[in-house]
Amino acid sequence: MTRVFGRTLCALALCLAAVSCQTASKSEPDGLLALPPGSEFLPMTFVAPIQVGRGNYPDLFAEDSTAVWVGSDVADLRQAKALEDGDPVSGTLAANAQRVTDNFLVFECDIASVFGDMSIAYDVVGFRGISVYLLTPDGRTVAPIQTVIGTPVREQQQQALKRYSRTNMIVFEKKDLVLGNSTIAPDAPAVRLVLQGYDSVFYFEWQASPTPNESWKPTRDEYVRAVKVGFKEFCEKTARLAHIFD
């Protein structure tokens, strides 16, 4: 699987401007369970750390930047926490959240930068000059249908530099509405959310769960990151998506 992505990123280095579907040779993964037809790709964990792919500025993003794949498991955790905190959840909100996770791939990127050029650090956490797309093991790149930049930017002094951070939401279609194909193949070994810009490539990677029929059991750190954005805040940000199919 590492070899597949390595070849893909090298190819993208030659033609990185296009965030459109491309096809490369596919290598069959080893050691993954076959998923029944019609099922969805399920990640091993819904929380992923940022990783450096290649480029001239490996410190462009802070190494503690993370991304949360907001699937139904994460939405359920947030709803349960809201109830535990005494914050009632209406049936409408719960139904809207389910419609969003049923029909879209939603990623929340908790992005930070302490880059030496503070004007660039400020820009990149707002994805200015950064292309964001999904990269599948077969070489396809998929553009988001919606990007919501978190406001306001969070600012913190860190020695002589400033640390800027935002939580940005990236949304993709779960299925091609014309062809009906899944954006991420159910049997894919992994998928990457790529951040590309300033002659550098970073990514968040989610590997397939070897036990797709089991519920996700987050670690304490994963839980804290998964519920950082509250259930109602998530519903408010995705309200328009929930009514697309009305």
C-alpha atoms as a PDB file:
ATOM      1  CA  MET A   1       0.000   0.000   0.000  1.00  0.00           C
ATOM      2  CA  THR A   2       2.914   2.324   0.734  1.00  0.00           C
ATOM      3  CA  ARG A   3       4.313   1.519  -2.700  1.00  0.00           C
ATOM      4  CA  VAL A   4       0.951   2.410  -4.295  1.00  0.00           C
ATOM      5  CA  PHE A   5       0.847   5.817  -2.693  1.00  0.00           C
ATOM      6  CA  GLY A   6       4.532   6.401  -3.378  1.00  0.00           C
ATOM      7  CA  ARG A   7       3.982   5.907  -7.090  1.00  0.00           C
ATOM      8  CA  THR A   8       0.869   8.074  -7.025  1.00  0.00           C
ATOM      9  CA  LEU A   9       2.545  11.016  -5.310  1.00  0.00           C
ATOM     10  CA  CYS A  10       5.456  10.900  -7.738  1.00  0.00           C
ATOM     11  CA  ALA A  11       3.002  11.036 -10.632  1.00  0.00           C
ATOM     12  CA  LEU A  12       1.157  13.927  -9.047  1.00  0.00           C
ATOM     13  CA  ALA A  13       4.416  15.838  -8.747  1.00  0.00           C
ATOM     14  CA  LEU A  14       4.464  15.995 -12.554  1.00  0.00           C
ATOM     15  CA  CYS A  15       0.866  17.127 -12.928  1.00  0.00           C
ATOM     16  CA  LEU A  16      -0.281  18.425  -9.551  1.00  0.00           C
ATOM     17  CA  ALA A  17      -2.450  21.207 -10.860  1.00  0.00           C
ATOM     18  CA  ALA A  18      -5.362  18.987 -11.801  1.00  0.00           C
ATOM     19  CA  VAL A  19      -7.669  17.940  -9.013  1.00  0.00           C
ATOM     20  CA  SER A  20      -9.586  15.650 -11.305  1.00  0.00           C
ATOM     21  CA  CYS A  21     -10.017  11.932 -11.684  1.00  0.00           C
ATOM     22  CA  GLN A  22      -6.919  10.134 -12.949  1.00  0.00           C
ATOM     23  CA  THR A  23      -6.187   6.423 -13.155  1.00  0.00           C
ATOM     24  CA  ALA A  24      -2.921   4.645 -12.369  1.00  0.00           C
ATOM     25  CA  SER A  25      -1.975   1.004 -12.084  1.00  0.00           C
ATOM     26  CA  LYS A  26      -3.494  -0.704  -9.066  1.00  0.00           C
ATOM     27  CA  SER A  27      -1.704  -3.031  -6.718  1.00  0.00           C
ATOM     28  CA  GLU A  28      -3.728  -5.569  -4.751  1.00  0.00           C
ATOM     29  CA  PRO A  29      -3.366  -5.142  -0.974  1.00  0.00           C
ATOM     30  CA  ASP A  30      -2.379  -8.058   1.222  1.00  0.00           C
ATOM     31  CA  GLY A  31      -3.911  -9.109   4.521  1.00  0.00           C
ATOM     32  CA  LEU A  32      -7.224  -7.213   4.287  1.00  0.00           C
ATOM     33  CA  LEU A  33     -10.603  -8.856   4.713  1.00  0.00           C
ATOM     34  CA  ALA A  34     -12.915  -8.908   1.720  1.00  0.00           C
ATOM     35  CA  LEU A  35     -15.966  -6.705   2.306  1.00  0.00           C
ATOM     36  CA  PRO A  36     -19.445  -7.762   1.201  1.00  0.00           C
ATOM     37  CA  PRO A  37     -20.811  -6.078  -1.952  1.00  0.00           C
ATOM     38  CA  GLY A  38     -22.567  -2.777  -1.320  1.00  0.00           C
ATOM     39  CA  SER A  39     -20.782  -2.050   1.953  1.00  0.00           C
ATOM     40  CA  GLU A  40     -18.816   1.125   2.607  1.00  0.00           C
ATOM     41  CA  PHE A  41     -15.153   1.704   3.251  1.00  0.00           C
ATOM     42  CA  LEU A  42     -14.671   1.854   7.013  1.00  0.00           C
ATOM     43  CA  PRO A  43     -11.461   3.230   8.520  1.00  0.00           C
ATOM     44  CA  MET A  44      -9.566   1.589  11.351  1.00  0.00           C
ATOM     45  CA  THR A  45      -9.801   4.870  13.249  1.00  0.00           C
ATOM     46  CA  PHE A  46     -11.606   8.115  12.454  1.00  0.00           C
ATOM     47  CA  VAL A  47      -8.769  10.339  13.717  1.00  0.00           C
ATOM     48  CA  ALA A  48      -5.577  10.755  11.684  1.00  0.00           C
ATOM     49  CA  PRO A  49      -2.372  12.753  12.315  1.00  0.00           C
ATOM     50  CA  ILE A  50      -0.787  14.873   9.612  1.00  0.00           C
ATOM     51  CA  GLN A  51       2.093  13.299   7.706  1.00  0.00           C
ATOM     52  CA  VAL A  52       4.725  14.798   5.440  1.00  0.00           C
ATOM     53  CA  GLY A  53       4.686  13.505   1.886  1.00  0.00           C
ATOM     54  CA  ARG A  54       7.416  15.471   0.168  1.00  0.00           C
ATOM     55  CA  GLY A  55       8.530  19.014  -0.567  1.00  0.00           C
ATOM     56  CA  ASN A  56      10.703  21.911   0.456  1.00  0.00           C
ATOM     57  CA  TYR A  57       8.869  22.910   3.637  1.00  0.00           C
ATOM     58  CA  PRO A  58       8.227  19.910   5.932  1.00  0.00           C
ATOM     59  CA  ASP A  59       7.488  22.351   8.797  1.00  0.00           C
ATOM     60  CA  LEU A  60       4.760  24.228   6.915  1.00  0.00           C
ATOM     61  CA  PHE A  61       2.102  22.623   9.127  1.00  0.00           C
ATOM     62  CA  ALA A  62       2.525  21.860  12.824  1.00  0.00           C
ATOM     63  CA  GLU A  63       3.087  18.175  13.516  1.00  0.00           C
ATOM     64  CA  ASP A  64       0.148  18.028  15.939  1.00  0.00           C
ATOM     65  CA  SER A  65      -2.341  18.926  13.182  1.00  0.00           C
ATOM     66  CA  THR A  66      -5.027  16.254  12.919  1.00  0.00           C
ATOM     67  CA  ALA A  67      -8.108  15.417  10.887  1.00  0.00           C
ATOM     68  CA  VAL A  68     -11.331  13.767  12.026  1.00  0.00           C
ATOM     69  CA  TRP A  69     -13.408  11.751   9.572  1.00  0.00           C
ATOM     70  CA  VAL A  70     -16.926  12.567  10.773  1.00  0.00           C
ATOM     71  CA  GLY A  71     -18.719   9.338  10.013  1.00  0.00           C
ATOM     72  CA  SER A  72     -21.737   8.018  11.870  1.00  0.00           C
ATOM     73  CA  ASP A  73     -19.538   6.696  14.707  1.00  0.00           C
ATOM     74  CA  VAL A  74     -18.168  10.167  15.419  1.00  0.00           C
ATOM     75  CA  ALA A  75     -21.582  11.805  15.074  1.00  0.00           C
ATOM     76  CA  ASP A  76     -22.993   9.301  17.588  1.00  0.00           C
ATOM     77  CA  LEU A  77     -20.167  10.074  20.038  1.00  0.00           C
ATOM     78  CA  ARG A  78     -20.899  13.786  19.776  1.00  0.00           C
ATOM     79  CA  GLN A  79     -24.606  13.301  20.261  1.00  0.00           C
ATOM     80  CA  ALA A  80     -23.999  11.123  23.330  1.00  0.00           C
ATOM     81  CA  LYS A  81     -21.640  13.724  24.794  1.00  0.00           C
ATOM     82  CA  ALA A  82     -24.191  16.488  24.226  1.00  0.00           C
ATOM     83  CA  LEU A  83     -26.766  14.470  26.158  1.00  0.00           C
ATOM     84  CA  GLU A  84     -24.262  13.748  28.932  1.00  0.00           C
ATOM     85  CA  ASP A  85     -23.559  17.463  29.197  1.00  0.00           C
ATOM     86  CA  GLY A  86     -27.264  18.179  29.607  1.00  0.00           C
ATOM     87  CA  ASP A  87     -27.569  19.707  26.148  1.00  0.00           C
ATOM     88  CA  PRO A  88     -30.783  18.273  24.645  1.00  0.00           C
ATOM     89  CA  VAL A  89     -30.698  17.128  21.021  1.00  0.00           C
ATOM     90  CA  SER A  90     -33.846  17.471  18.955  1.00  0.00           C
ATOM     91  CA  GLY A  91     -35.028  14.704  16.691  1.00  0.00           C
ATOM     92  CA  THR A  92     -34.590  17.022  13.713  1.00  0.00           C
ATOM     93  CA  LEU A  93     -30.913  17.625  14.499  1.00  0.00           C
ATOM     94  CA  ALA A  94     -30.275  13.915  14.965  1.00  0.00           C
ATOM     95  CA  ALA A  95     -32.021  13.094  11.673  1.00  0.00           C
ATOM     96  CA  ASN A  96     -30.075  15.804   9.822  1.00  0.00           C
ATOM     97  CA  ALA A  97     -26.764  14.533  11.166  1.00  0.00           C
ATOM     98  CA  GLN A  98     -27.619  11.028   9.990  1.00  0.00           C
ATOM     99  CA  ARG A  99     -28.545  12.290   6.521  1.00  0.00           C
ATOM    100  CA  VAL A 100     -25.210  14.072   6.253  1.00  0.00           C
ATOM    101  CA  THR A 101     -23.115  11.085   7.318  1.00  0.00           C
ATOM    102  CA  ASP A 102     -25.207   8.770   5.106  1.00  0.00           C
ATOM    103  CA  ASN A 103     -24.686  10.848   1.968  1.00  0.00           C
ATOM    104  CA  PHE A 104     -21.381  12.715   2.353  1.00  0.00           C
ATOM    105  CA  LEU A 105     -17.788  12.239   3.403  1.00  0.00           C
ATOM    106  CA  VAL A 106     -17.027  14.945   5.959  1.00  0.00           C
ATOM    107  CA  PHE A 107     -13.541  15.694   7.284  1.00  0.00           C
ATOM    108  CA  GLU A 108     -12.664  18.244   9.950  1.00  0.00           C
ATOM    109  CA  CYS A 109      -9.050  19.376   9.755  1.00  0.00           C
ATOM    110  CA  ASP A 110      -7.691  20.856  12.980  1.00  0.00           C
ATOM    111  CA  ILE A 111      -4.824  22.639  11.262  1.00  0.00           C
ATOM    112  CA  ALA A 112      -1.997  24.572  12.916  1.00  0.00           C
ATOM    113  CA  SER A 113       1.127  26.284  11.619  1.00  0.00           C
ATOM    114  CA  VAL A 114       4.148  27.814  13.356  1.00  0.00           C
ATOM    115  CA  PHE A 115       5.998  28.469  10.106  1.00  0.00           C
ATOM    116  CA  GLY A 116       8.908  30.932  10.099  1.00  0.00           C
ATOM    117  CA  ASP A 117       7.129  33.259   7.676  1.00  0.00           C
ATOM    118  CA  MET A 118       4.127  34.156   9.801  1.00  0.00           C
ATOM    119  CA  SER A 119       2.129  35.581   6.901  1.00  0.00           C
ATOM    120  CA  ILE A 120       2.367  32.187   5.185  1.00  0.00           C
ATOM    121  CA  ALA A 121       1.496  30.424   8.445  1.00  0.00           C
ATOM    122  CA  TYR A 122      -1.653  32.544   8.682  1.00  0.00           C
ATOM    123  CA  ASP A 123      -2.599  31.800   5.080  1.00  0.00           C
ATOM    124  CA  VAL A 124      -2.073  28.032   5.071  1.00  0.00           C
ATOM    125  CA  VAL A 125      -4.357  27.351   8.056  1.00  0.00           C
ATOM    126  CA  GLY A 126      -7.072  29.000   5.957  1.00  0.00           C
ATOM    127  CA  PHE A 127      -6.016  26.811   2.996  1.00  0.00           C
ATOM    128  CA  ARG A 128      -4.918  29.814   0.942  1.00  0.00           C
ATOM    129  CA  GLY A 129      -2.545  28.506  -1.715  1.00  0.00           C
ATOM    130  CA  ILE A 130      -3.365  24.942  -0.615  1.00  0.00           C
ATOM    131  CA  SER A 131      -5.150  22.386  -2.789  1.00  0.00           C
ATOM    132  CA  VAL A 132      -7.171  19.854  -0.798  1.00  0.00           C
ATOM    133  CA  TYR A 133      -8.348  16.588  -2.333  1.00  0.00           C
ATOM    134  CA  LEU A 134      -8.869  12.893  -1.696  1.00  0.00           C
ATOM    135  CA  LEU A 135      -6.327  10.490  -3.149  1.00  0.00           C
ATOM    136  CA  THR A 136      -7.314   6.853  -3.595  1.00  0.00           C
ATOM    137  CA  PRO A 137      -4.876   3.936  -4.009  1.00  0.00           C
ATOM    138  CA  ASP A 138      -5.855   3.504  -7.674  1.00  0.00           C
ATOM    139  CA  GLY A 139      -4.578   7.016  -8.421  1.00  0.00           C
ATOM    140  CA  ARG A 140      -7.846   8.958  -8.523  1.00  0.00           C
ATOM    141  CA  THR A 141      -7.982  12.463  -7.109  1.00  0.00           C
ATOM    142  CA  VAL A 142     -11.358  13.760  -5.960  1.00  0.00           C
ATOM    143  CA  ALA A 143     -12.153  17.430  -5.411  1.00  0.00           C
ATOM    144  CA  PRO A 144     -14.359  18.524  -2.497  1.00  0.00           C
ATOM    145  CA  ILE A 145     -17.845  19.870  -3.116  1.00  0.00           C
ATOM    146  CA  GLN A 146     -17.635  22.205  -0.141  1.00  0.00           C
ATOM    147  CA  THR A 147     -14.945  23.717   2.074  1.00  0.00           C
ATOM    148  CA  VAL A 148     -15.831  25.608   5.257  1.00  0.00           C
ATOM    149  CA  ILE A 149     -12.949  27.595   6.744  1.00  0.00           C
ATOM    150  CA  GLY A 150     -13.168  27.809  10.517  1.00  0.00           C
ATOM    151  CA  THR A 151     -13.468  31.277  12.007  1.00  0.00           C
ATOM    152  CA  PRO A 152     -12.064  33.058  13.819  1.00  0.00           C
ATOM    153  CA  VAL A 153      -8.427  32.040  13.415  1.00  0.00           C
ATOM    154  CA  ARG A 154      -6.860  31.036  16.727  1.00  0.00           C
ATOM    155  CA  GLU A 155      -3.593  32.810  17.516  1.00  0.00           C
ATOM    156  CA  GLN A 156      -1.000  32.000  20.183  1.00  0.00           C
ATOM    157  CA  GLN A 157       2.508  33.288  20.804  1.00  0.00           C
ATOM    158  CA  GLN A 158       5.087  30.488  20.588  1.00  0.00           C
ATOM    159  CA  GLN A 159       8.529  31.813  21.445  1.00  0.00           C
ATOM    160  CA  ALA A 160       9.483  34.282  18.694  1.00  0.00           C
ATOM    161  CA  LEU A 161       6.785  33.014  16.332  1.00  0.00           C
ATOM    162  CA  LYS A 162       3.013  32.873  16.320  1.00  0.00           C
ATOM    163  CA  ARG A 163       0.988  29.699  16.146  1.00  0.00           C
ATOM    164  CA  TYR A 164      -2.117  29.989  13.977  1.00  0.00           C
ATOM    165  CA  SER A 165      -4.829  27.346  13.900  1.00  0.00           C
ATOM    166  CA  ARG A 166      -8.293  26.730  12.491  1.00  0.00           C
ATOM    167  CA  THR A 167     -10.719  23.840  12.226  1.00  0.00           C
ATOM    168  CA  ASN A 168     -11.729  23.578   8.575  1.00  0.00           C
ATOM    169  CA  MET A 169     -14.445  21.283   7.239  1.00  0.00           C
ATOM    170  CA  ILE A 170     -14.025  19.512   3.894  1.00  0.00           C
ATOM    171  CA  VAL A 171     -16.964  17.729   2.257  1.00  0.00           C
ATOM    172  CA  PHE A 172     -16.995  15.200  -0.581  1.00  0.00           C
ATOM    173  CA  GLU A 173     -19.786  13.290  -2.277  1.00  0.00           C
ATOM    174  CA  LYS A 174     -19.980   9.769  -0.903  1.00  0.00           C
ATOM    175  CA  LYS A 175     -21.130   8.533  -4.310  1.00  0.00           C
ATOM    176  CA  ASP A 176     -20.897   9.824  -7.841  1.00  0.00           C
ATOM    177  CA  LEU A 177     -24.466  11.017  -8.384  1.00  0.00           C
ATOM    178  CA  VAL A 178     -24.260  10.303 -12.131  1.00  0.00           C
ATOM    179  CA  LEU A 179     -22.517   6.922 -12.186  1.00  0.00           C
ATOM    180  CA  GLY A 180     -23.511   5.750  -8.717  1.00  0.00           C
ATOM    181  CA  ASN A 181     -19.973   4.617  -7.884  1.00  0.00           C
ATOM    182  CA  SER A 182     -18.575   5.020  -4.376  1.00  0.00           C
ATOM    183  CA  THR A 183     -16.001   7.791  -4.030  1.00  0.00           C
ATOM    184  CA  ILE A 184     -13.935   5.398  -1.920  1.00  0.00           C
ATOM    185  CA  ALA A 185     -14.134   1.771  -3.022  1.00  0.00           C
ATOM    186  CA  PRO A 186     -15.395  -0.482  -0.202  1.00  0.00           C
ATOM    187  CA  ASP A 187     -12.349  -2.729  -0.596  1.00  0.00           C
ATOM    188  CA  ALA A 188      -9.767   0.073  -0.735  1.00  0.00           C
ATOM    189  CA  PRO A 189      -6.798  -0.563   1.600  1.00  0.00           C
ATOM    190  CA  ALA A 190      -6.642   3.111   2.590  1.00  0.00           C
ATOM    191  CA  VAL A 191      -7.463   6.645   1.509  1.00  0.00           C
ATOM    192  CA  ARG A 192      -5.633   9.941   1.893  1.00  0.00           C
ATOM    193  CA  LEU A 193      -6.784  13.519   2.324  1.00  0.00           C
ATOM    194  CA  VAL A 194      -4.010  15.532   0.710  1.00  0.00           C
ATOM    195  CA  LEU A 195      -2.939  19.132   1.379  1.00  0.00           C
ATOM    196  CA  GLN A 196      -0.715  20.378  -1.430  1.00  0.00           C
ATOM    197  CA  GLY A 197       0.907  23.772  -1.851  1.00  0.00           C
ATOM    198  CA  TYR A 198       4.103  25.804  -1.499  1.00  0.00           C
ATOM    199  CA  ASP A 199       6.021  23.010  -3.254  1.00  0.00           C
ATOM    200  CA  SER A 200       5.074  20.604  -0.477  1.00  0.00           C
ATOM    201  CA  VAL A 201       2.652  17.722   0.054  1.00  0.00           C
ATOM    202  CA  PHE A 202       1.073  16.688   3.350  1.00  0.00           C
ATOM    203  CA  TYR A 203      -1.637  14.136   3.983  1.00  0.00           C
ATOM    204  CA  PHE A 204      -3.904  12.458   6.492  1.00  0.00           C
ATOM    205  CA  GLU A 205      -4.328   8.731   5.943  1.00  0.00           C
ATOM    206  CA  TRP A 206      -7.084   6.359   7.027  1.00  0.00           C
ATOM    207  CA  GLN A 207      -6.391   2.646   6.673  1.00  0.00           C
ATOM    208  CA  ALA A 208      -9.214   0.185   6.241  1.00  0.00           C
ATOM    209  CA  SER A 209     -10.571  -1.530   9.318  1.00  0.00           C
ATOM    210  CA  PRO A 210      -9.705  -5.253   9.399  1.00  0.00           C
ATOM    211  CA  THR A 211     -12.946  -5.778  11.367  1.00  0.00           C
ATOM    212  CA  PRO A 212     -15.543  -3.604   9.572  1.00  0.00           C
ATOM    213  CA  ASN A 213     -18.471  -5.138  11.444  1.00  0.00           C
ATOM    214  CA  GLU A 214     -17.202  -3.989  14.835  1.00  0.00           C
ATOM    215  CA  SER A 215     -17.875  -0.570  16.361  1.00  0.00           C
ATOM    216  CA  TRP A 216     -15.012   1.886  16.601  1.00  0.00           C
ATOM    217  CA  LYS A 217     -13.385   1.998  20.041  1.00  0.00           C
ATOM    218  CA  PRO A 218     -11.405   5.265  20.236  1.00  0.00           C
ATOM    219  CA  THR A 219      -8.483   5.815  22.559  1.00  0.00           C
ATOM    220  CA  ARG A 220      -8.801   8.609  25.101  1.00  0.00           C
ATOM    221  CA  ASP A 221      -6.861  11.012  22.860  1.00  0.00           C
ATOM    222  CA  GLU A 222      -8.924  10.046  19.817  1.00  0.00           C
ATOM    223  CA  TYR A 223     -12.126  10.600  21.769  1.00  0.00           C
ATOM    224  CA  VAL A 224     -11.051  14.079  22.880  1.00  0.00           C
ATOM    225  CA  ARG A 225     -10.201  15.043  19.312  1.00  0.00           C
ATOM    226  CA  ALA A 226     -13.361  13.474  17.886  1.00  0.00           C
ATOM    227  CA  VAL A 227     -15.695  15.462  20.181  1.00  0.00           C
ATOM    228  CA  LYS A 228     -13.749  18.742  20.042  1.00  0.00           C
ATOM    229  CA  VAL A 229     -16.409  20.073  17.677  1.00  0.00           C
ATOM    230  CA  GLY A 230     -19.779  19.739  19.396  1.00  0.00           C
ATOM    231  CA  PHE A 231     -22.782  17.935  17.935  1.00  0.00           C
ATOM    232  CA  LYS A 232     -24.877  21.087  17.456  1.00  0.00           C
ATOM    233  CA  GLU A 233     -21.960  22.972  15.905  1.00  0.00           C
ATOM    234  CA  PHE A 234     -21.463  20.127  13.439  1.00  0.00           C
ATOM    235  CA  CYS A 235     -25.179  20.148  12.592  1.00  0.00           C
ATOM    236  CA  GLU A 236     -25.148  23.909  12.066  1.00  0.00           C
ATOM    237  CA  LYS A 237     -22.162  23.716   9.715  1.00  0.00           C
ATOM    238  CA  THR A 238     -23.738  20.933   7.659  1.00  0.00           C
ATOM    239  CA  ALA A 239     -27.366  22.143   7.749  1.00  0.00           C
ATOM    240  CA  ARG A 240     -27.452  22.941   4.040  1.00  0.00           C
ATOM    241  CA  LEU A 241     -26.122  19.499   3.147  1.00  0.00           C
ATOM    242  CA  ALA A 242     -28.827  17.795   5.197  1.00  0.00           C
ATOM    243  CA  HIS A 243     -31.545  19.285   2.957  1.00  0.00           C
ATOM    244  CA  ILE A 244     -29.945  18.732  -0.454  1.00  0.00           C
ATOM    245  CA  PHE A 245     -32.095  15.658  -1.109  1.00  0.00           C
ATOM    246  CA  ASP A 246     -35.369  17.199   0.100  1.00  0.00           C
END
